[in-house]
PDB file of N, CA and C in Angstrom:
ATOM      1  N   MET A   1     -23.459  -3.679 -32.738  1.00  0.00           N
ATOM      2  CA  MET A   1     -24.098  -2.353 -33.737  1.00  0.00           C
ATOM      3  C   MET A   1     -23.194  -2.308 -35.103  1.00  0.00           C
ATOM      4  N   ALA A   2     -23.652  -2.489 -36.084  1.00  0.00           N
ATOM      5  CA  ALA A   2     -22.890  -2.131 -37.418  1.00  0.00           C
ATOM      6  C   ALA A   2     -22.332  -0.649 -37.439  1.00  0.00           C
ATOM      7  N   LYS A   3     -20.900  -0.635 -37.983  1.00  0.00           N
ATOM      8  CA  LYS A   3     -20.439   1.027 -37.798  1.00  0.00           C
ATOM      9  C   LYS A   3     -21.323   1.860 -38.485  1.00  0.00           C
ATOM     10  N   ASP A   4     -22.175   1.279 -39.550  1.00  0.00           N
ATOM     11  CA  ASP A   4     -23.021   2.386 -40.272  1.00  0.00           C
ATOM     12  C   ASP A   4     -24.322   2.318 -40.082  1.00  0.00           C
ATOM     13  N   HIS A   5     -24.748   1.885 -38.907  1.00  0.00           N
ATOM     14  CA  HIS A   5     -25.985   1.764 -38.324  1.00  0.00           C
ATOM     15  C   HIS A   5     -26.139   3.038 -37.902  1.00  0.00           C
ATOM     16  N   PRO A   6     -27.537   3.707 -38.506  1.00  0.00           N
ATOM     17  CA  PRO A   6     -28.023   5.261 -37.947  1.00  0.00           C
ATOM     18  C   PRO A   6     -28.288   5.106 -36.634  1.00  0.00           C
ATOM     19  N   THR A   7     -27.675   6.410 -35.863  1.00  0.00           N
ATOM     20  CA  THR A   7     -27.692   6.560 -34.317  1.00  0.00           C
ATOM     21  C   THR A   7     -28.778   7.734 -34.166  1.00  0.00           C
ATOM     22  N   GLY A   8     -28.853   8.608 -35.066  1.00  0.00           N
ATOM     23  CA  GLY A   8     -29.763   9.806 -34.725  1.00  0.00           C
ATOM     24  C   GLY A   8     -28.398  10.623 -34.271  1.00  0.00           C
ATOM     25  N   LYS A   9     -27.216  10.441 -34.334  1.00  0.00           N
ATOM     26  CA  LYS A   9     -26.471  11.410 -33.560  1.00  0.00           C
ATOM     27  C   LYS A   9     -25.598  12.178 -34.760  1.00  0.00           C
ATOM     28  N   SER A  10     -25.785  11.509 -35.837  1.00  0.00           N
ATOM     29  CA  SER A  10     -24.666  12.186 -37.184  1.00  0.00           C
ATOM     30  C   SER A  10     -25.098  13.956 -37.335  1.00  0.00           C
ATOM     31  N   GLY A  11     -24.119  14.272 -37.747  1.00  0.00           N
ATOM     32  CA  GLY A  11     -24.374  15.869 -38.288  1.00  0.00           C
ATOM     33  C   GLY A  11     -25.528  15.988 -39.266  1.00  0.00           C
ATOM     34  N   LEU A  12     -25.831  14.606 -39.970  1.00  0.00           N
ATOM     35  CA  LEU A  12     -26.625  14.911 -41.158  1.00  0.00           C
ATOM     36  C   LEU A  12     -28.010  15.480 -40.517  1.00  0.00           C
ATOM     37  N   TYR A  13     -28.503  15.214 -39.254  1.00  0.00           N
ATOM     38  CA  TYR A  13     -29.745  15.540 -38.853  1.00  0.00           C
ATOM     39  C   TYR A  13     -29.710  17.020 -38.468  1.00  0.00           C
ATOM     40  N   ALA A  14     -28.723  17.303 -37.965  1.00  0.00           N
ATOM     41  CA  ALA A  14     -28.632  18.942 -37.924  1.00  0.00           C
ATOM     42  C   ALA A  14     -28.707  19.811 -39.106  1.00  0.00           C
ATOM     43  N   ALA A  15     -28.303  18.857 -40.211  1.00  0.00           N
ATOM     44  CA  ALA A  15     -28.095  19.609 -41.451  1.00  0.00           C
ATOM     45  C   ALA A  15     -29.347  20.079 -42.220  1.00  0.00           C
ATOM     46  N   PHE A  16     -30.184  18.969 -41.859  1.00  0.00           N
ATOM     47  CA  PHE A  16     -31.742  19.126 -42.341  1.00  0.00           C
ATOM     48  C   PHE A  16     -32.276  20.521 -41.798  1.00  0.00           C
ATOM     49  N   LEU A  17     -31.842  20.820 -40.800  1.00  0.00           N
ATOM     50  CA  LEU A  17     -32.547  22.037 -39.610  1.00  0.00           C
ATOM     51  C   LEU A  17     -31.793  23.332 -40.435  1.00  0.00           C
ATOM     52  N   GLU A  18     -30.746  23.431 -41.426  1.00  0.00           N
ATOM     53  CA  GLU A  18     -30.233  24.475 -41.778  1.00  0.00           C
ATOM     54  C   GLU A  18     -31.072  24.496 -43.278  1.00  0.00           C
ATOM     55  N   LEU A  19     -31.607  23.585 -43.828  1.00  0.00           N
ATOM     56  CA  LEU A  19     -32.488  23.874 -45.075  1.00  0.00           C
ATOM     57  C   LEU A  19     -33.817  24.710 -45.015  1.00  0.00           C
ATOM     58  N   GLU A  20     -33.704  25.824 -45.810  1.00  0.00           N
ATOM     59  CA  GLU A  20     -34.974  26.661 -45.882  1.00  0.00           C
ATOM     60  C   GLU A  20     -35.904  26.620 -46.691  1.00  0.00           C
ATOM     61  N   THR A  21     -35.938  25.952 -47.774  1.00  0.00           N
ATOM     62  CA  THR A  21     -36.710  25.796 -49.143  1.00  0.00           C
ATOM     63  C   THR A  21     -36.968  24.195 -49.324  1.00  0.00           C
ATOM     64  N   PRO A  22     -38.103  23.640 -49.731  1.00  0.00           N
ATOM     65  CA  PRO A  22     -38.302  22.433 -50.121  1.00  0.00           C
ATOM     66  C   PRO A  22     -37.300  22.131 -51.550  1.00  0.00           C
ATOM     67  N   GLU A  23     -36.921  23.222 -52.030  1.00  0.00           N
ATOM     68  CA  GLU A  23     -35.856  23.247 -53.347  1.00  0.00           C
ATOM     69  C   GLU A  23     -34.389  22.794 -52.963  1.00  0.00           C
ATOM     70  N   GLU A  24     -34.242  23.476 -51.702  1.00  0.00           N
ATOM     71  CA  GLU A  24     -33.095  23.293 -51.124  1.00  0.00           C
ATOM     72  C   GLU A  24     -32.780  21.952 -50.386  1.00  0.00           C
ATOM     73  N   CYS A  25     -33.961  21.562 -49.779  1.00  0.00           N
ATOM     74  CA  CYS A  25     -34.138  20.128 -49.204  1.00  0.00           C
ATOM     75  C   CYS A  25     -34.060  19.321 -50.605  1.00  0.00           C
ATOM     76  N   TYR A  26     -35.184  19.177 -51.513  1.00  0.00           N
ATOM     77  CA  TYR A  26     -34.591  18.179 -52.813  1.00  0.00           C
ATOM     78  C   TYR A  26     -33.025  18.354 -53.110  1.00  0.00           C
ATOM     79  N   ARG A  27     -32.182  19.387 -53.370  1.00  0.00           N
ATOM     80  CA  ARG A  27     -31.173  19.425 -53.478  1.00  0.00           C
ATOM     81  C   ARG A  27     -30.073  18.847 -52.948  1.00  0.00           C
ATOM     82  N   PHE A  28     -30.329  18.915 -51.674  1.00  0.00           N
ATOM     83  CA  PHE A  28     -29.721  17.972 -50.633  1.00  0.00           C
ATOM     84  C   PHE A  28     -29.921  16.824 -50.478  1.00  0.00           C
ATOM     85  N   LEU A  29     -31.071  16.340 -50.797  1.00  0.00           N
ATOM     86  CA  LEU A  29     -31.248  14.921 -50.743  1.00  0.00           C
ATOM     87  C   LEU A  29     -30.688  14.045 -52.128  1.00  0.00           C
ATOM     88  N   GLN A  30     -30.312  14.856 -52.849  1.00  0.00           N
ATOM     89  CA  GLN A  30     -30.017  14.516 -54.356  1.00  0.00           C
ATOM     90  C   GLN A  30     -28.503  14.262 -54.142  1.00  0.00           C
ATOM     91  N   ASP A  31     -27.938  15.092 -53.094  1.00  0.00           N
ATOM     92  CA  ASP A  31     -26.709  15.083 -53.100  1.00  0.00           C
ATOM     93  C   ASP A  31     -26.252  13.871 -52.324  1.00  0.00           C
ATOM     94  N   VAL A  32     -27.023  13.528 -51.130  1.00  0.00           N
ATOM     95  CA  VAL A  32     -26.847  12.649 -50.192  1.00  0.00           C
ATOM     96  C   VAL A  32     -27.601  10.996 -50.138  1.00  0.00           C
ATOM     97  N   CYS A  33     -28.384  11.067 -51.425  1.00  0.00           N
ATOM     98  CA  CYS A  33     -29.248   9.744 -51.747  1.00  0.00           C
ATOM     99  C   CYS A  33     -29.139   9.433 -53.055  1.00  0.00           C
ATOM    100  N   SER A  34     -29.102   8.303 -52.963  1.00  0.00           N
ATOM    101  CA  SER A  34     -29.092   7.819 -54.453  1.00  0.00           C
ATOM    102  C   SER A  34     -30.653   7.725 -55.158  1.00  0.00           C
ATOM    103  N   TYR A  35     -30.870   7.968 -56.487  1.00  0.00           N
ATOM    104  CA  TYR A  35     -32.036   8.165 -57.126  1.00  0.00           C
ATOM    105  C   TYR A  35     -33.223   6.955 -56.368  1.00  0.00           C
ATOM    106  N   ALA A  36     -32.869   5.817 -56.079  1.00  0.00           N
ATOM    107  CA  ALA A  36     -33.580   4.889 -55.751  1.00  0.00           C
ATOM    108  C   ALA A  36     -33.713   5.271 -54.136  1.00  0.00           C
ATOM    109  N   GLU A  37     -33.209   5.892 -53.412  1.00  0.00           N
ATOM    110  CA  GLU A  37     -33.502   5.837 -52.080  1.00  0.00           C
ATOM    111  C   GLU A  37     -34.400   7.175 -52.087  1.00  0.00           C
ATOM    112  N   LEU A  38     -33.899   8.111 -52.743  1.00  0.00           N
ATOM    113  CA  LEU A  38     -34.606   9.490 -52.661  1.00  0.00           C
ATOM    114  C   LEU A  38     -36.260   8.811 -53.217  1.00  0.00           C
ATOM    115  N   SER A  39     -36.389   8.013 -54.436  1.00  0.00           N
ATOM    116  CA  SER A  39     -37.724   7.747 -54.831  1.00  0.00           C
ATOM    117  C   SER A  39     -38.367   7.004 -54.075  1.00  0.00           C
ATOM    118  N   ALA A  40     -37.648   6.072 -53.023  1.00  0.00           N
ATOM    119  CA  ALA A  40     -38.334   5.325 -51.873  1.00  0.00           C
ATOM    120  C   ALA A  40     -38.820   6.276 -50.967  1.00  0.00           C
ATOM    121  N   MET A  41     -38.353   6.922 -50.573  1.00  0.00           N
ATOM    122  CA  MET A  41     -38.847   8.176 -49.457  1.00  0.00           C
ATOM    123  C   MET A  41     -39.862   8.968 -50.095  1.00  0.00           C
ATOM    124  N   GLU A  42     -39.804   9.332 -51.247  1.00  0.00           N
ATOM    125  CA  GLU A  42     -41.036  10.198 -51.639  1.00  0.00           C
ATOM    126  C   GLU A  42     -42.225   9.324 -51.917  1.00  0.00           C
ATOM    127  N   GLN A  43     -41.899   8.015 -52.308  1.00  0.00           N
ATOM    128  CA  GLN A  43     -43.080   7.287 -52.474  1.00  0.00           C
ATOM    129  C   GLN A  43     -43.733   6.728 -50.984  1.00  0.00           C
ATOM    130  N   ARG A  44     -42.917   6.499 -49.871  1.00  0.00           N
ATOM    131  CA  ARG A  44     -43.539   6.211 -48.786  1.00  0.00           C
ATOM    132  C   ARG A  44     -44.127   7.487 -48.127  1.00  0.00           C
ATOM    133  N   TYR A  45     -43.805   8.865 -48.467  1.00  0.00           N
ATOM    134  CA  TYR A  45     -44.350  10.071 -47.967  1.00  0.00           C
ATOM    135  C   TYR A  45     -45.923  10.180 -48.695  1.00  0.00           C
ATOM    136  N   ASN A  46     -45.786   9.592 -49.973  1.00  0.00           N
ATOM    137  CA  ASN A  46     -46.913   9.834 -51.060  1.00  0.00           C
ATOM    138  C   ASN A  46     -48.193   8.672 -50.102  1.00  0.00           C
ATOM    139  N   ILE A  47     -47.528   7.733 -50.030  1.00  0.00           N
ATOM    140  CA  ILE A  47     -48.419   6.459 -49.477  1.00  0.00           C
ATOM    141  C   ILE A  47     -48.843   7.117 -47.800  1.00  0.00           C
ATOM    142  N   ALA A  48     -48.059   7.811 -47.160  1.00  0.00           N
ATOM    143  CA  ALA A  48     -48.673   8.270 -45.821  1.00  0.00           C
ATOM    144  C   ALA A  48     -49.779   9.043 -46.139  1.00  0.00           C
ATOM    145  N   GLU A  49     -49.576   9.845 -46.999  1.00  0.00           N
ATOM    146  CA  GLU A  49     -50.831  11.010 -47.303  1.00  0.00           C
ATOM    147  C   GLU A  49     -51.840  10.405 -47.822  1.00  0.00           C
ATOM    148  N   LYS A  50     -52.073   9.463 -48.757  1.00  0.00           N
ATOM    149  CA  LYS A  50     -52.882   8.578 -48.922  1.00  0.00           C
ATOM    150  C   LYS A  50     -53.743   7.824 -47.676  1.00  0.00           C
ATOM    151  N   LEU A  51     -52.737   7.475 -47.079  1.00  0.00           N
ATOM    152  CA  LEU A  51     -53.372   6.628 -45.760  1.00  0.00           C
ATOM    153  C   LEU A  51     -54.201   7.553 -44.717  1.00  0.00           C
ATOM    154  N   MET A  52     -53.645   8.523 -44.652  1.00  0.00           N
ATOM    155  CA  MET A  52     -54.352   9.560 -43.738  1.00  0.00           C
ATOM    156  C   MET A  52     -55.754  10.269 -44.352  1.00  0.00           C
ATOM    157  N   ARG A  53     -55.670   9.847 -45.765  1.00  0.00           N
ATOM    158  CA  ARG A  53     -57.023  10.164 -46.351  1.00  0.00           C
ATOM    159  C   ARG A  53     -57.841   9.325 -46.641  1.00  0.00           C
ATOM    160  N   LYS A  54     -57.571   7.825 -45.730  1.00  0.00           N
ATOM    161  CA  LYS A  54     -58.357   6.753 -45.832  1.00  0.00           C
ATOM    162  C   LYS A  54     -58.412   6.119 -47.355  1.00  0.00           C
ATOM    163  N   GLN A  55     -57.523   6.323 -48.126  1.00  0.00           N
ATOM    164  CA  GLN A  55     -57.473   5.487 -49.115  1.00  0.00           C
ATOM    165  C   GLN A  55     -57.241   4.073 -48.713  1.00  0.00           C
ATOM    166  N   SER A  56     -57.720   3.081 -49.693  1.00  0.00           N
ATOM    167  CA  SER A  56     -57.501   1.750 -49.162  1.00  0.00           C
ATOM    168  C   SER A  56     -56.247   1.334 -49.711  1.00  0.00           C
ATOM    169  N   TYR A  57     -55.696   0.116 -49.244  1.00  0.00           N
ATOM    170  CA  TYR A  57     -54.293  -0.590 -49.754  1.00  0.00           C
ATOM    171  C   TYR A  57     -54.540  -0.778 -51.263  1.00  0.00           C
ATOM    172  N   THR A  58     -55.556  -1.018 -51.602  1.00  0.00           N
ATOM    173  CA  THR A  58     -55.887  -1.723 -53.018  1.00  0.00           C
ATOM    174  C   THR A  58     -55.633  -0.315 -53.866  1.00  0.00           C
ATOM    175  N   SER A  59     -56.453   0.650 -53.377  1.00  0.00           N
ATOM    176  CA  SER A  59     -56.326   1.813 -53.911  1.00  0.00           C
ATOM    177  C   SER A  59     -54.901   2.513 -54.400  1.00  0.00           C
ATOM    178  N   ILE A  60     -54.170   2.404 -53.298  1.00  0.00           N
ATOM    179  CA  ILE A  60     -52.419   2.941 -52.999  1.00  0.00           C
ATOM    180  C   ILE A  60     -51.917   1.851 -54.227  1.00  0.00           C
ATOM    181  N   MET A  61     -52.079   0.761 -53.826  1.00  0.00           N
ATOM    182  CA  MET A  61     -51.380  -0.341 -55.037  1.00  0.00           C
ATOM    183  C   MET A  61     -51.347  -0.180 -56.339  1.00  0.00           C
ATOM    184  N   GLY A  62     -52.484   0.147 -56.787  1.00  0.00           N
ATOM    185  CA  GLY A  62     -53.016   0.648 -57.887  1.00  0.00           C
ATOM    186  C   GLY A  62     -52.299   1.726 -58.610  1.00  0.00           C
ATOM    187  N   ASN A  63     -52.901   2.950 -57.586  1.00  0.00           N
ATOM    188  CA  ASN A  63     -52.105   4.240 -57.971  1.00  0.00           C
ATOM    189  C   ASN A  63     -50.585   4.483 -57.951  1.00  0.00           C
ATOM    190  N   ILE A  64     -49.775   3.833 -56.793  1.00  0.00           N
ATOM    191  CA  ILE A  64     -48.544   4.263 -56.847  1.00  0.00           C
ATOM    192  C   ILE A  64     -47.767   3.174 -57.295  1.00  0.00           C
ATOM    193  N   GLY A  65     -48.104   1.840 -57.160  1.00  0.00           N
ATOM    194  CA  GLY A  65     -47.434   0.840 -57.249  1.00  0.00           C
ATOM    195  C   GLY A  65     -46.594   0.446 -56.281  1.00  0.00           C
ATOM    196  N   ALA A  66     -46.977   0.461 -55.062  1.00  0.00           N
ATOM    197  CA  ALA A  66     -46.261   0.239 -53.829  1.00  0.00           C
ATOM    198  C   ALA A  66     -46.715  -1.356 -53.406  1.00  0.00           C
ATOM    199  N   SER A  67     -45.799  -1.965 -52.984  1.00  0.00           N
ATOM    200  CA  SER A  67     -46.426  -3.400 -52.463  1.00  0.00           C
ATOM    201  C   SER A  67     -47.320  -3.260 -51.092  1.00  0.00           C
ATOM    202  N   SER A  68     -47.920  -3.949 -51.035  1.00  0.00           N
ATOM    203  CA  SER A  68     -48.707  -4.119 -49.543  1.00  0.00           C
ATOM    204  C   SER A  68     -47.625  -4.299 -48.506  1.00  0.00           C
ATOM    205  N   ALA A  69     -46.668  -4.568 -48.480  1.00  0.00           N
ATOM    206  CA  ALA A  69     -45.545  -4.769 -47.333  1.00  0.00           C
ATOM    207  C   ALA A  69     -45.017  -3.450 -46.724  1.00  0.00           C
ATOM    208  N   ILE A  70     -44.795  -2.529 -48.154  1.00  0.00           N
ATOM    209  CA  ILE A  70     -44.610  -1.284 -47.870  1.00  0.00           C
ATOM    210  C   ILE A  70     -45.599  -0.171 -47.282  1.00  0.00           C
ATOM    211  N   ILE A  71     -46.789  -0.597 -47.884  1.00  0.00           N
ATOM    212  CA  ILE A  71     -47.939   0.318 -47.428  1.00  0.00           C
ATOM    213  C   ILE A  71     -48.248  -0.117 -46.022  1.00  0.00           C
ATOM    214  N   SER A  72     -48.170  -1.289 -45.633  1.00  0.00           N
ATOM    215  CA  SER A  72     -48.464  -1.883 -44.253  1.00  0.00           C
ATOM    216  C   SER A  72     -47.427  -1.225 -43.264  1.00  0.00           C
ATOM    217  N   ARG A  73     -45.977  -1.125 -43.666  1.00  0.00           N
ATOM    218  CA  ARG A  73     -44.823  -0.662 -42.897  1.00  0.00           C
ATOM    219  C   ARG A  73     -45.171   0.953 -42.609  1.00  0.00           C
ATOM    220  N   VAL A  74     -45.873   1.753 -43.648  1.00  0.00           N
ATOM    221  CA  VAL A  74     -46.152   3.110 -43.631  1.00  0.00           C
ATOM    222  C   VAL A  74     -47.480   3.105 -42.536  1.00  0.00           C
ATOM    223  N   SER A  75     -48.433   2.312 -42.697  1.00  0.00           N
ATOM    224  CA  SER A  75     -49.478   2.416 -41.665  1.00  0.00           C
ATOM    225  C   SER A  75     -49.338   1.719 -40.286  1.00  0.00           C
ATOM    226  N   ARG A  76     -48.161   1.253 -40.293  1.00  0.00           N
ATOM    227  CA  ARG A  76     -47.651   1.060 -38.673  1.00  0.00           C
ATOM    228  C   ARG A  76     -47.040   2.393 -38.021  1.00  0.00           C
ATOM    229  N   VAL A  77     -46.111   3.111 -39.018  1.00  0.00           N
ATOM    230  CA  VAL A  77     -45.566   4.121 -38.579  1.00  0.00           C
ATOM    231  C   VAL A  77     -46.717   5.119 -38.078  1.00  0.00           C
ATOM    232  N   LEU A  78     -47.696   5.416 -38.969  1.00  0.00           N
ATOM    233  CA  LEU A  78     -48.805   6.507 -38.863  1.00  0.00           C
ATOM    234  C   LEU A  78     -49.426   6.237 -37.511  1.00  0.00           C
ATOM    235  N   GLY A  79     -49.445   4.520 -37.269  1.00  0.00           N
ATOM    236  CA  GLY A  79     -50.396   4.366 -36.099  1.00  0.00           C
ATOM    237  C   GLY A  79     -49.758   4.382 -34.725  1.00  0.00           C
ATOM    238  N   ARG A  80     -48.535   4.487 -34.607  1.00  0.00           N
ATOM    239  CA  ARG A  80     -47.561   4.767 -33.534  1.00  0.00           C
ATOM    240  C   ARG A  80     -48.065   6.023 -32.786  1.00  0.00           C
ATOM    241  N   ASP A  81     -48.025   6.188 -31.433  1.00  0.00           N
ATOM    242  CA  ASP A  81     -48.405   7.326 -30.531  1.00  0.00           C
ATOM    243  C   ASP A  81     -47.413   8.658 -31.071  1.00  0.00           C
ATOM    244  N   ASP A  82     -46.002   8.114 -31.144  1.00  0.00           N
ATOM    245  CA  ASP A  82     -45.063   9.150 -31.647  1.00  0.00           C
ATOM    246  C   ASP A  82     -44.715   9.350 -32.768  1.00  0.00           C
ATOM    247  N   SER A  83     -45.659   9.172 -33.549  1.00  0.00           N
ATOM    248  CA  SER A  83     -45.206   9.146 -35.159  1.00  0.00           C
ATOM    249  C   SER A  83     -44.946  10.763 -35.821  1.00  0.00           C
ATOM    250  N   VAL A  84     -43.534  11.230 -35.991  1.00  0.00           N
ATOM    251  CA  VAL A  84     -43.619  12.541 -36.604  1.00  0.00           C
ATOM    252  C   VAL A  84     -44.099  12.350 -37.857  1.00  0.00           C
ATOM    253  N   LEU A  85     -44.069  11.559 -38.669  1.00  0.00           N
ATOM    254  CA  LEU A  85     -44.667  11.735 -39.891  1.00  0.00           C
ATOM    255  C   LEU A  85     -46.000  12.061 -39.802  1.00  0.00           C
ATOM    256  N   ARG A  86     -46.751  11.322 -38.944  1.00  0.00           N
ATOM    257  CA  ARG A  86     -48.427  11.538 -38.954  1.00  0.00           C
ATOM    258  C   ARG A  86     -48.502  12.989 -38.379  1.00  0.00           C
ATOM    259  N   ARG A  87     -47.732  13.472 -37.248  1.00  0.00           N
ATOM    260  CA  ARG A  87     -47.505  14.922 -36.807  1.00  0.00           C
ATOM    261  C   ARG A  87     -47.581  15.731 -37.865  1.00  0.00           C
ATOM    262  N   ILE A  88     -46.580  15.579 -38.634  1.00  0.00           N
ATOM    263  CA  ILE A  88     -46.268  16.575 -40.016  1.00  0.00           C
ATOM    264  C   ILE A  88     -47.262  16.793 -40.912  1.00  0.00           C
ATOM    265  N   LEU A  89     -47.865  15.676 -41.213  1.00  0.00           N
ATOM    266  CA  LEU A  89     -49.255  15.727 -42.087  1.00  0.00           C
ATOM    267  C   LEU A  89     -50.358  16.201 -41.611  1.00  0.00           C
ATOM    268  N   GLU A  90     -50.531  15.893 -40.641  1.00  0.00           N
ATOM    269  CA  GLU A  90     -51.714  16.526 -39.748  1.00  0.00           C
ATOM    270  C   GLU A  90     -51.597  18.236 -39.449  1.00  0.00           C
ATOM    271  N   LYS A  91     -50.222  18.544 -39.608  1.00  0.00           N
ATOM    272  CA  LYS A  91     -49.917  19.985 -39.435  1.00  0.00           C
ATOM    273  C   LYS A  91     -50.061  20.471 -40.729  1.00  0.00           C
ATOM    274  N   ASN A  92     -49.819  19.881 -41.664  1.00  0.00           N
ATOM    275  CA  ASN A  92     -49.986  20.670 -43.146  1.00  0.00           C
ATOM    276  C   ASN A  92     -51.383  20.191 -43.469  1.00  0.00           C
ATOM    277  N   GLY A  93     -52.155  19.583 -42.735  1.00  0.00           N
ATOM    278  CA  GLY A  93     -53.865  19.803 -43.349  1.00  0.00           C
ATOM    279  C   GLY A  93     -54.188  18.555 -43.751  1.00  0.00           C
ATOM    280  N   VAL A  94     -53.261  17.365 -43.978  1.00  0.00           N
ATOM    281  CA  VAL A  94     -53.473  15.989 -44.674  1.00  0.00           C
ATOM    282  C   VAL A  94     -54.436  15.032 -43.697  1.00  0.00           C
ATOM    283  N   SER A  95     -55.457  14.814 -43.967  1.00  0.00           N
ATOM    284  CA  SER A  95     -56.468  13.962 -43.214  1.00  0.00           C
ATOM    285  C   SER A  95     -57.776  13.631 -44.019  1.00  0.00           C
ATOM    286  N   ALA A  96     -58.182  13.026 -43.484  1.00  0.00           N
ATOM    287  CA  ALA A  96     -59.592  11.912 -44.165  1.00  0.00           C
ATOM    288  C   ALA A  96     -60.274  13.222 -44.968  1.00  0.00           C
ATOM    289  N   GLY A  97     -60.668  13.313 -45.915  1.00  0.00           N
ATOM    290  CA  GLY A  97     -61.471  14.049 -46.547  1.00  0.00           C
ATOM    291  C   GLY A  97     -60.662  15.378 -47.281  1.00  0.00           C
ATOM    292  N   THR A  98     -59.335  15.348 -47.331  1.00  0.00           N
ATOM    293  CA  THR A  98     -58.490  16.436 -48.005  1.00  0.00           C
ATOM    294  C   THR A  98     -58.075  15.815 -49.190  1.00  0.00           C
ATOM    295  N   GLU A  99     -58.024  16.546 -50.185  1.00  0.00           N
ATOM    296  CA  GLU A  99     -57.410  15.809 -51.738  1.00  0.00           C
ATOM    297  C   GLU A  99     -56.036  16.325 -51.982  1.00  0.00           C
ATOM    298  N   ASP A 100     -55.589  15.329 -52.987  1.00  0.00           N
ATOM    299  CA  ASP A 100     -54.003  15.212 -53.230  1.00  0.00           C
ATOM    300  C   ASP A 100     -53.747  17.132 -53.720  1.00  0.00           C
TER     301      ASP A 100
END
């Protein structure tokens, strides 16, 4: 395994639990991520919201500009039984029939 491969054991994950507001989280992510990395994460979250609302790949590609490969990857994540992303979206009321 490469030295820099994510293990889930870094202090980074505990640091997320210290964040108290969306603004603080955003500022923390700006500190540790490049603009491209942060944009990619936001895009994937937005794709997940749209997939949960049953929007089509074509619609998502047109509205967000994401590739079908990225949309497919997010869809696979949402389809897993242990998907934390799906659980968070459901907890926040994102489901078929809800609006942006």
